[in-house]
Amino acid sequence: MSRDFKNIKAWQYADDLAVSVYSKTKSFPREELYGITSQLRRAVVSVPTNIAEGASREHKREYLHFLYIARGSIAETEYLLYYICHDGSDICKTMNIKNWMS
């Protein structure tokens, strides 16, 4: 039972978020490229990637497994965005992160 991941609402939202984060992190300080920037990008792109991979699986149990992984990645993304704001960074204001998280 293959699903077209592009029709899954959660994938659509996750894809939009990933594109937005990639775009907005281009303005992060250069010294953060291999730190928080890289980790945030990997976490956020993992969400739609796992939804897409799960959608291709034949069995419901496998599909759910990948959805659980995606849920963990969105939690990681949320924490990283929180962390960026928590340390008083100007990045938080630049990216308007507080509006994303409300």
Protein backbone atom coordinates (compact mmCIF):
# COMPACT_ATOMS: atom_id res chain seq x y z
CA MET A 1 0.00 0.00 0.00
CA SER A 2 2.18 2.82 -1.26
CA ARG A 3 1.22 6.38 -0.39
CA ASP A 4 2.10 9.53 -2.29
CA PHE A 5 4.00 11.44 0.38
CA LYS A 6 3.33 14.75 -1.39
CA ASN A 7 -0.37 14.39 -0.49
CA ILE A 8 0.31 13.94 3.24
CA LYS A 9 -0.45 17.20 5.10
CA ALA A 10 2.25 16.60 7.70
CA TRP A 11 4.82 16.22 4.92
CA GLN A 12 3.62 19.46 3.27
CA TYR A 13 4.01 21.41 6.52
CA ALA A 14 7.36 19.81 7.28
CA ASP A 15 8.63 20.55 3.78
CA ASP A 16 7.58 24.21 4.09
CA LEU A 17 9.37 24.45 7.44
CA ALA A 18 12.53 22.84 6.06
CA VAL A 19 12.63 25.23 3.10
CA SER A 20 12.06 28.19 5.42
CA VAL A 21 14.75 27.14 7.90
CA TYR A 22 17.29 26.54 5.13
CA SER A 23 16.54 29.96 3.69
CA LYS A 24 16.68 31.79 7.02
CA THR A 25 19.82 30.05 8.26
CA LYS A 26 21.79 31.49 5.35
CA SER A 27 22.08 34.64 7.46
CA PHE A 28 23.44 32.80 10.52
CA PRO A 29 26.96 33.80 11.59
CA ARG A 30 29.67 32.02 9.58
CA GLU A 31 31.22 30.59 12.76
CA GLU A 32 27.98 28.69 13.41
CA LEU A 33 28.00 26.95 10.00
CA TYR A 34 29.30 23.68 11.45
CA GLY A 35 27.55 24.07 14.79
CA ILE A 36 23.95 25.00 15.40
CA THR A 37 23.27 25.79 11.72
CA SER A 38 24.27 22.35 10.55
CA GLN A 39 22.45 20.55 13.35
CA LEU A 40 19.27 22.57 12.83
CA ARG A 41 19.30 21.96 9.08
CA ARG A 42 19.85 18.22 9.51
CA ALA A 43 17.07 17.96 12.08
CA VAL A 44 14.50 19.94 10.10
CA VAL A 45 15.14 18.16 6.80
CA SER A 46 14.90 14.81 8.57
CA VAL A 47 11.19 15.40 9.25
CA PRO A 48 9.85 15.41 5.67
CA THR A 49 12.49 12.88 4.66
CA ASN A 50 11.26 10.32 7.20
CA ILE A 51 7.61 10.96 6.33
CA ALA A 52 8.43 10.37 2.65
CA GLU A 53 10.42 7.23 3.40
CA GLY A 54 7.69 5.86 5.65
CA ALA A 55 5.04 6.54 3.02
CA SER A 56 6.88 4.24 0.63
CA ARG A 57 6.73 1.30 3.03
CA GLU A 58 4.22 -1.46 2.44
CA HIS A 59 3.24 -2.22 6.01
CA LYS A 60 1.50 0.12 8.41
CA ARG A 61 3.92 -0.77 11.19
CA GLU A 62 6.91 0.33 9.11
CA TYR A 63 5.11 3.53 8.10
CA LEU A 64 4.40 4.35 11.75
CA HIS A 65 8.03 3.65 12.65
CA PHE A 66 9.19 6.41 10.29
CA LEU A 67 6.48 8.76 11.54
CA TYR A 68 7.82 8.28 15.07
CA ILE A 69 11.32 9.11 13.85
CA ALA A 70 9.94 12.24 12.15
CA ARG A 71 8.23 13.21 15.40
CA GLY A 72 11.57 12.95 17.20
CA SER A 73 13.22 15.13 14.58
CA ILE A 74 10.56 17.82 14.89
CA ALA A 75 11.11 17.80 18.67
CA GLU A 76 14.85 18.23 18.07
CA THR A 77 14.13 21.09 15.66
CA GLU A 78 11.83 22.74 18.18
CA TYR A 79 14.46 22.51 20.90
CA LEU A 80 17.19 23.95 18.66
CA LEU A 81 14.96 26.91 17.78
CA TYR A 82 14.18 27.34 21.48
CA TYR A 83 17.90 27.20 22.30
CA ILE A 84 18.71 29.87 19.74
CA CYS A 85 16.20 32.19 21.42
CA HIS A 86 17.10 31.12 24.94
CA ASP A 87 20.67 32.34 24.71
CA GLY A 88 19.50 35.84 23.74
CA SER A 89 20.83 35.58 20.20
CA ASP A 90 20.04 38.20 17.59
CA ILE A 91 19.34 35.29 15.28
CA CYS A 92 16.08 34.71 17.15
CA LYS A 93 14.89 38.21 16.26
CA THR A 94 16.16 37.99 12.68
CA MET A 95 14.36 34.71 12.03
CA ASN A 96 11.22 35.75 13.97
CA ILE A 97 11.41 32.38 15.73
CA LYS A 98 9.09 33.25 18.59
CA ASN A 99 6.21 33.58 16.10
CA TRP A 100 6.98 30.12 14.70
CA MET A 101 6.82 28.55 18.14
CA SER A 102 3.54 30.06 19.32
